[in-house]
């Protein structure tokens, strides 16, 4: 058993360091420990056309798992920011990104639909608004178990210890999978756990199955786990872009964020045209092989016809968020119902469109 755990830890070290930002910012239940900061870096490049005397705006972006946008923008040649610089921090989950946003450690971030729901119920209502939605196919969000396990279907989870990442898509899709299998939350022994600890617990036999996403799914499969069920047909693929209320009130900062997000959108178009190169670049930080990375990107593109696309806040977007909130309330996972419309801001999209026009 010691040899198995040692192998898991060694194989998962890179993923853990990138995800946790070298700080241990998440406890075993997925919550933050104090005000620990995530791994940070700064990209300070100014377009030669910008005024030498103007003060640069500083944008602080919180990323989940790895520095996706920083690496993507550099690869696409779109990181020559005009009049502003970007500082990047990496967190282990979207819930931790929202906590950092509430604590004014970052200005904007991205997550799934679930973290904003929980954040909105905090004392300061999360200190954020959702300004855009990043639409993408929800690949690599799965319920997994060891190949040697007796668990082969969701129905087999009854009476078993099932790890999941709290306040994330994992908790939502696990609840929906149970519902489809005519099981309830009370039929399993749920174990709230972090992505990194969940993989170690699964391989070590401390949990029987694991509902998670991203790097942790790759790591689990590299250590003998198989897919029990994918969440690709359960999740909407809506990934909100959140901004702090303080940053939203700052005109210069919101204009810079709009320009930044347009660059990200353009960079994803570059990635679609250079999918093999993008697969190589994201393989190592996601704990994947090149083949696995390319396969994931191809599945994502095939499912939606694009890799990622920023879309405006509209009634369909809000309705999707409301369904998630209502589902959690019915399961007894929320103390009170939420009004999803209060989480969104529909004024930012005009700034995004204005920035987009400069690149067309």
Protein backbone atom coordinates (compact mmCIF):
# COMPACT_ATOMS: atom_id res chain seq x y z
CA UNK A 1 0.00 0.00 0.00
CA UNK A 2 2.85 2.41 0.81
CA UNK A 3 4.28 1.86 -2.65
CA UNK A 4 0.93 2.68 -4.22
CA UNK A 5 0.54 5.90 -2.26
CA UNK A 6 4.11 6.88 -3.06
CA UNK A 7 3.45 6.38 -6.76
CA UNK A 8 0.29 8.47 -6.62
CA UNK A 9 1.98 11.31 -4.77
CA UNK A 10 4.90 11.36 -7.15
CA UNK A 11 2.69 11.33 -10.24
CA UNK A 12 0.37 13.95 -8.81
CA UNK A 13 3.06 16.32 -7.46
CA UNK A 14 3.14 18.64 -10.46
CA UNK A 15 -0.65 18.85 -10.61
CA UNK A 16 -0.91 19.56 -6.90
CA UNK A 17 1.76 22.27 -6.91
CA UNK A 18 0.18 24.06 -9.85
CA UNK A 19 -3.37 23.73 -8.53
CA UNK A 20 -2.71 24.63 -4.92
CA UNK A 21 -0.29 27.40 -5.77
CA UNK A 22 2.37 26.12 -3.32
CA UNK A 23 0.29 27.47 -0.43
CA UNK A 24 -2.10 24.74 0.71
CA UNK A 25 -4.95 27.19 0.27
CA UNK A 26 -7.59 24.46 0.57
CA UNK A 27 -8.38 22.26 3.53
CA UNK A 28 -9.54 18.66 3.17
CA UNK A 29 -13.15 19.75 2.96
CA UNK A 30 -12.48 22.12 0.07
CA UNK A 31 -12.56 25.30 2.16
CA UNK A 32 -9.81 27.87 2.43
CA UNK A 33 -7.53 28.05 5.42
CA UNK A 34 -7.31 31.65 6.54
CA UNK A 35 -6.22 34.18 3.92
CA UNK A 36 -3.60 32.07 2.19
CA UNK A 37 -2.68 33.40 -1.23
CA UNK A 38 -2.33 31.34 -4.36
CA UNK A 39 0.65 31.05 -6.67
CA UNK A 40 1.04 34.32 -8.52
CA UNK A 41 2.90 35.68 -11.50
CA UNK A 42 2.84 38.94 -13.36
CA UNK A 43 2.75 39.59 -17.09
CA UNK A 44 3.96 43.15 -17.57
CA UNK A 45 4.06 43.91 -21.28
CA UNK A 46 2.90 47.20 -22.73
CA UNK A 47 2.17 47.93 -26.38
CA UNK A 48 4.63 50.50 -27.78
CA UNK A 49 1.69 52.67 -28.85
CA UNK A 50 0.58 53.28 -25.26
CA UNK A 51 1.49 56.49 -23.48
CA UNK A 52 4.78 56.31 -21.62
CA UNK A 53 3.44 58.67 -18.98
CA UNK A 54 0.15 56.92 -18.34
CA UNK A 55 -0.14 54.78 -15.24
CA UNK A 56 -0.74 51.13 -16.04
CA UNK A 57 -3.85 49.43 -14.71
CA UNK A 58 -3.15 46.24 -12.77
CA UNK A 59 -5.53 43.33 -13.36
CA UNK A 60 -5.46 40.40 -10.92
CA UNK A 61 -6.86 37.23 -12.46
CA UNK A 62 -7.64 34.03 -10.57
CA UNK A 63 -7.36 30.79 -12.54
CA UNK A 64 -8.42 27.26 -11.63
CA UNK A 65 -5.89 24.42 -11.89
CA UNK A 66 -3.28 26.06 -14.12
CA UNK A 67 -2.46 29.34 -15.86
CA UNK A 68 -4.57 28.63 -18.93
CA UNK A 69 -5.01 32.17 -20.21
CA UNK A 70 -1.42 33.24 -19.55
CA UNK A 71 -0.04 30.32 -21.57
CA UNK A 72 -2.70 30.62 -24.28
CA UNK A 73 -2.22 34.35 -24.84
CA UNK A 74 1.54 33.96 -25.05
CA UNK A 75 1.23 31.14 -27.59
CA UNK A 76 -1.17 33.17 -29.73
CA UNK A 77 1.05 36.28 -29.55
CA UNK A 78 -1.69 38.29 -27.86
CA UNK A 79 -0.02 39.08 -24.54
CA UNK A 80 1.26 42.53 -25.56
CA UNK A 81 -1.24 44.32 -23.31
CA UNK A 82 -1.79 47.99 -24.03
CA UNK A 83 -1.65 50.16 -20.91
CA UNK A 84 -2.23 47.45 -18.32
CA UNK A 85 -0.52 44.45 -16.81
CA UNK A 86 -1.94 41.17 -15.54
CA UNK A 87 -1.07 39.29 -12.36
CA UNK A 88 -2.07 35.62 -12.30
CA UNK A 89 -2.97 33.47 -9.30
CA UNK A 90 -3.85 29.77 -9.42
CA UNK A 91 -6.38 28.11 -7.11
CA UNK A 92 -7.49 24.52 -6.67
CA UNK A 93 -11.15 25.15 -7.43
CA UNK A 94 -13.68 27.75 -8.51
CA UNK A 95 -14.98 27.98 -4.95
CA UNK A 96 -11.54 29.14 -3.80
CA UNK A 97 -11.39 31.66 -6.64
CA UNK A 98 -14.68 33.16 -5.42
CA UNK A 99 -13.36 33.30 -1.85
CA UNK A 100 -10.28 35.16 -3.10
CA UNK A 101 -12.56 37.53 -5.03
CA UNK A 102 -14.60 38.24 -1.89
CA UNK A 103 -11.38 38.94 0.03
CA UNK A 104 -10.18 41.39 -2.66
CA UNK A 105 -7.17 39.22 -3.49
CA UNK A 106 -8.13 39.15 -7.18
CA UNK A 107 -10.26 41.32 -9.49
CA UNK A 108 -11.88 38.75 -11.76
CA UNK A 109 -12.02 35.02 -12.26
CA UNK A 110 -13.95 32.18 -13.85
CA UNK A 111 -15.80 29.20 -12.42
CA UNK A 112 -18.64 26.81 -13.04
CA UNK A 113 -22.23 27.75 -12.19
CA UNK A 114 -22.03 26.30 -8.68
CA UNK A 115 -19.47 28.46 -6.77
CA UNK A 116 -21.40 31.73 -7.39
CA UNK A 117 -24.46 30.20 -5.75
CA UNK A 118 -22.65 29.43 -2.51
CA UNK A 119 -20.68 32.68 -2.61
CA UNK A 120 -23.90 34.70 -2.91
CA UNK A 121 -25.08 33.27 0.41
CA UNK A 122 -22.04 34.52 2.31
CA UNK A 123 -22.11 37.55 4.61
CA UNK A 124 -21.14 40.07 1.94
CA UNK A 125 -23.05 38.19 -0.79
CA UNK A 126 -19.75 37.24 -2.39
CA UNK A 127 -18.75 40.76 -3.43
CA UNK A 128 -19.13 39.92 -7.14
CA UNK A 129 -21.20 40.02 -10.30
CA UNK A 130 -21.16 37.68 -13.29
CA UNK A 131 -20.39 39.76 -16.39
CA UNK A 132 -19.99 37.17 -19.15
CA UNK A 133 -20.29 33.43 -19.61
CA UNK A 134 -17.58 31.24 -21.12
CA UNK A 135 -19.43 28.59 -23.12
CA UNK A 136 -17.61 25.29 -23.63
CA UNK A 137 -18.30 21.57 -23.70
CA UNK A 138 -18.08 20.21 -20.13
CA UNK A 139 -15.58 17.48 -20.93
CA UNK A 140 -13.42 15.76 -18.28
CA UNK A 141 -16.08 16.08 -15.56
CA UNK A 142 -16.69 12.55 -14.41
CA UNK A 143 -17.50 10.03 -11.74
CA UNK A 144 -14.60 7.56 -11.60
CA UNK A 145 -13.69 4.41 -9.67
CA UNK A 146 -10.81 1.96 -9.79
CA UNK A 147 -10.99 -0.59 -12.58
CA UNK A 148 -10.75 -3.32 -9.92
CA UNK A 149 -13.73 -1.90 -8.01
CA UNK A 150 -17.14 -3.56 -7.79
CA UNK A 151 -18.61 -0.21 -8.82
CA UNK A 152 -19.55 -0.34 -12.51
CA UNK A 153 -22.65 1.86 -12.60
CA UNK A 154 -24.05 4.75 -10.55
CA UNK A 155 -26.52 2.33 -8.93
CA UNK A 156 -23.55 0.53 -7.39
CA UNK A 157 -22.76 3.63 -5.28
CA UNK A 158 -25.41 2.74 -2.68
CA UNK A 159 -23.78 2.48 0.74
CA UNK A 160 -20.36 3.44 -0.69
CA UNK A 161 -17.97 6.26 0.24
CA UNK A 162 -18.07 8.75 -2.62
CA UNK A 163 -15.65 11.64 -2.72
CA UNK A 164 -16.68 14.92 -4.34
CA UNK A 165 -15.42 18.50 -4.46
CA UNK A 166 -17.76 20.75 -2.48
CA UNK A 167 -19.46 23.77 -4.05
CA UNK A 168 -18.41 22.80 -7.58
CA UNK A 169 -19.82 21.07 -10.66
CA UNK A 170 -18.77 17.78 -9.07
CA UNK A 171 -21.31 18.14 -6.28
CA UNK A 172 -24.03 19.09 -8.77
CA UNK A 173 -23.48 16.38 -11.34
CA UNK A 174 -23.08 13.73 -8.64
CA UNK A 175 -26.48 14.71 -7.22
CA UNK A 176 -28.03 14.52 -10.69
CA UNK A 177 -26.43 11.14 -11.42
CA UNK A 178 -27.84 9.79 -8.16
CA UNK A 179 -31.28 11.15 -9.03
CA UNK A 180 -31.19 9.48 -12.46
CA UNK A 181 -30.28 6.19 -10.75
CA UNK A 182 -33.19 6.60 -8.30
CA UNK A 183 -30.81 7.16 -5.40
CA UNK A 184 -30.62 10.05 -2.96
CA UNK A 185 -27.75 11.83 -1.24
CA UNK A 186 -28.60 9.79 1.87
CA UNK A 187 -28.06 6.52 -0.01
CA UNK A 188 -24.30 7.14 -0.22
CA UNK A 189 -21.61 8.14 2.24
CA UNK A 190 -20.55 11.50 0.76
CA UNK A 191 -17.00 12.67 1.48
CA UNK A 192 -16.20 16.33 0.77
CA UNK A 193 -12.58 16.42 -0.37
CA UNK A 194 -10.15 18.43 -2.50
CA UNK A 195 -9.18 17.40 -6.01
CA UNK A 196 -5.65 16.38 -4.99
CA UNK A 197 -6.65 14.52 -1.83
CA UNK A 198 -9.50 12.84 -3.68
CA UNK A 199 -7.18 11.09 -6.11
CA UNK A 200 -4.92 9.88 -3.29
CA UNK A 201 -7.94 8.69 -1.29
CA UNK A 202 -9.37 6.81 -4.28
CA UNK A 203 -6.13 5.00 -5.12
CA UNK A 204 -5.49 4.31 -1.44
CA UNK A 205 -8.94 2.78 -0.91
CA UNK A 206 -10.22 5.44 1.49
CA UNK A 207 -13.10 6.26 -0.85
CA UNK A 208 -14.86 3.98 -3.32
CA UNK A 209 -15.57 6.48 -6.09
CA UNK A 210 -14.69 10.08 -6.90
CA UNK A 211 -16.70 12.84 -8.61
CA UNK A 212 -14.32 15.47 -9.92
CA UNK A 213 -12.97 17.30 -12.95
CA UNK A 214 -9.92 18.42 -14.91
CA UNK A 215 -6.44 17.52 -13.74
CA UNK A 216 -7.69 15.21 -11.00
CA UNK A 217 -9.58 13.03 -13.49
CA UNK A 218 -6.42 12.72 -15.59
CA UNK A 219 -4.39 11.80 -12.51
CA UNK A 220 -6.95 9.24 -11.33
CA UNK A 221 -7.04 7.53 -14.72
CA UNK A 222 -3.25 7.48 -14.87
CA UNK A 223 -3.39 5.47 -11.65
CA UNK A 224 -5.95 2.83 -12.55
CA UNK A 225 -9.32 4.61 -12.44
CA UNK A 226 -12.00 4.34 -15.14
CA UNK A 227 -15.07 6.39 -16.03
CA UNK A 228 -18.29 5.27 -14.39
CA UNK A 229 -20.30 8.13 -15.88
CA UNK A 230 -19.52 11.39 -17.68
CA UNK A 231 -21.32 14.64 -16.85
CA UNK A 232 -21.14 15.95 -20.42
CA UNK A 233 -24.91 15.59 -20.87
CA UNK A 234 -25.72 16.88 -17.39
CA UNK A 235 -23.82 20.16 -17.22
CA UNK A 236 -24.78 23.21 -19.28
CA UNK A 237 -21.25 24.12 -20.28
CA UNK A 238 -21.81 27.64 -18.93
CA UNK A 239 -18.76 28.89 -17.04
CA UNK A 240 -19.42 32.33 -15.51
CA UNK A 241 -16.83 35.10 -15.54
CA UNK A 242 -17.02 36.91 -12.19
CA UNK A 243 -15.72 40.35 -11.30
CA UNK A 244 -15.50 41.97 -7.86
CA UNK A 245 -17.91 44.81 -7.17
CA UNK A 246 -14.91 47.07 -6.55
CA UNK A 247 -13.38 46.29 -9.94
CA UNK A 248 -16.78 46.62 -11.67
CA UNK A 249 -17.05 50.18 -10.34
CA UNK A 250 -13.60 51.05 -11.73
CA UNK A 251 -14.05 52.29 -15.32
CA UNK A 252 -10.39 51.95 -16.31
CA UNK A 253 -10.21 48.44 -14.88
CA UNK A 254 -13.40 47.20 -16.57
CA UNK A 255 -12.23 48.55 -19.94
CA UNK A 256 -8.91 46.74 -19.47
CA UNK A 257 -10.73 43.53 -18.49
CA UNK A 258 -12.90 43.81 -21.60
CA UNK A 259 -9.79 44.12 -23.77
CA UNK A 260 -8.17 41.20 -21.97
CA UNK A 261 -11.19 38.92 -22.48
CA UNK A 262 -11.38 39.82 -26.17
CA UNK A 263 -7.74 38.80 -26.48
CA UNK A 264 -8.58 35.49 -24.79
CA UNK A 265 -11.42 34.94 -27.26
CA UNK A 266 -9.10 35.67 -30.18
CA UNK A 267 -6.52 33.34 -28.66
CA UNK A 268 -9.02 30.48 -28.57
CA UNK A 269 -9.68 31.02 -32.27
CA UNK A 270 -5.92 30.67 -32.76
CA UNK A 271 -6.05 27.45 -30.68
CA UNK A 272 -8.79 26.02 -32.90
CA UNK A 273 -6.59 26.62 -35.96
CA UNK A 274 -3.50 25.26 -34.19
CA UNK A 275 -5.11 22.53 -32.11
CA UNK A 276 -2.07 20.20 -32.19
CA UNK A 277 0.22 22.93 -30.85
CA UNK A 278 -2.29 23.91 -28.16
CA UNK A 279 -2.61 20.25 -27.17
CA UNK A 280 1.15 20.06 -26.65
CA UNK A 281 1.19 23.22 -24.53
CA UNK A 282 -1.63 22.17 -22.21
CA UNK A 283 -0.61 18.54 -21.82
CA UNK A 284 2.01 18.97 -19.09
CA UNK A 285 0.16 21.46 -16.81
CA UNK A 286 -3.01 19.34 -16.96
CA UNK A 287 -1.17 16.10 -16.20
CA UNK A 288 -2.09 14.64 -19.59
CA UNK A 289 -0.18 13.01 -22.40
CA UNK A 290 -0.20 14.81 -25.75
CA UNK A 291 -2.61 12.20 -27.12
CA UNK A 292 -5.01 12.64 -24.19
CA UNK A 293 -4.83 16.42 -24.49
CA UNK A 294 -5.50 16.38 -28.23
CA UNK A 295 -8.37 13.92 -27.81
CA UNK A 296 -10.01 16.16 -25.19
CA UNK A 297 -9.71 19.25 -27.39
CA UNK A 298 -11.10 17.44 -30.41
CA UNK A 299 -14.06 16.16 -28.39
CA UNK A 300 -14.70 19.67 -27.06
CA UNK A 301 -14.63 21.20 -30.53
CA UNK A 302 -16.80 18.45 -32.01
CA UNK A 303 -19.43 18.87 -29.30
CA UNK A 304 -19.87 22.65 -29.65
CA UNK A 305 -18.17 23.68 -32.89
CA UNK A 306 -15.72 25.78 -30.88
CA UNK A 307 -13.37 25.38 -27.93
CA UNK A 308 -14.52 28.34 -25.85
CA UNK A 309 -16.80 31.26 -26.61
CA UNK A 310 -17.75 34.24 -24.44
CA UNK A 311 -21.50 34.87 -24.57
CA UNK A 312 -23.64 37.64 -23.15
CA UNK A 313 -25.81 37.36 -20.06
CA UNK A 314 -29.40 36.62 -21.16
CA UNK A 315 -32.53 34.90 -19.89
CA UNK A 316 -31.30 31.43 -20.91
CA UNK A 317 -28.05 31.88 -19.02
CA UNK A 318 -29.85 33.04 -15.89
CA UNK A 319 -32.44 30.25 -16.17
CA UNK A 320 -29.67 27.65 -16.29
CA UNK A 321 -28.13 29.07 -13.11
CA UNK A 322 -31.55 29.12 -11.44
CA UNK A 323 -32.10 25.42 -12.22
CA UNK A 324 -28.84 24.54 -10.52
CA UNK A 325 -29.72 26.62 -7.47
CA UNK A 326 -33.21 25.15 -7.22
CA UNK A 327 -31.80 21.63 -7.49
CA UNK A 328 -29.37 22.23 -4.63
CA UNK A 329 -32.13 23.72 -2.49
CA UNK A 330 -34.41 20.72 -3.11
CA UNK A 331 -31.57 18.42 -2.08
CA UNK A 332 -31.22 20.32 1.18
CA UNK A 333 -27.76 21.58 0.24
CA UNK A 334 -28.77 25.25 0.51
CA UNK A 335 -30.34 26.95 3.51
CA UNK A 336 -32.53 29.14 1.32
CA UNK A 337 -33.46 29.60 -2.31
CA UNK A 338 -31.41 31.95 -4.45
CA UNK A 339 -32.57 34.43 -7.07
CA UNK A 340 -30.08 33.79 -9.87
CA UNK A 341 -30.85 37.08 -11.61
CA UNK A 342 -29.22 38.99 -8.73
CA UNK A 343 -25.87 37.35 -9.49
CA UNK A 344 -25.57 38.82 -12.98
CA UNK A 345 -24.67 42.18 -14.51
CA UNK A 346 -25.71 42.86 -18.10
CA UNK A 347 -23.95 46.21 -18.55
CA UNK A 348 -20.41 44.89 -19.09
CA UNK A 349 -21.14 43.29 -22.45
CA UNK A 350 -21.23 46.72 -24.14
CA UNK A 351 -17.61 47.26 -23.08
CA UNK A 352 -16.75 43.80 -24.38
CA UNK A 353 -18.39 44.56 -27.74
CA UNK A 354 -16.55 47.88 -27.96
CA UNK A 355 -13.22 46.16 -27.30
CA UNK A 356 -14.11 43.43 -29.79
CA UNK A 357 -14.72 45.99 -32.54
CA UNK A 358 -11.12 47.18 -32.26
CA UNK A 359 -9.86 43.76 -33.33
CA UNK A 360 -12.28 43.22 -36.23
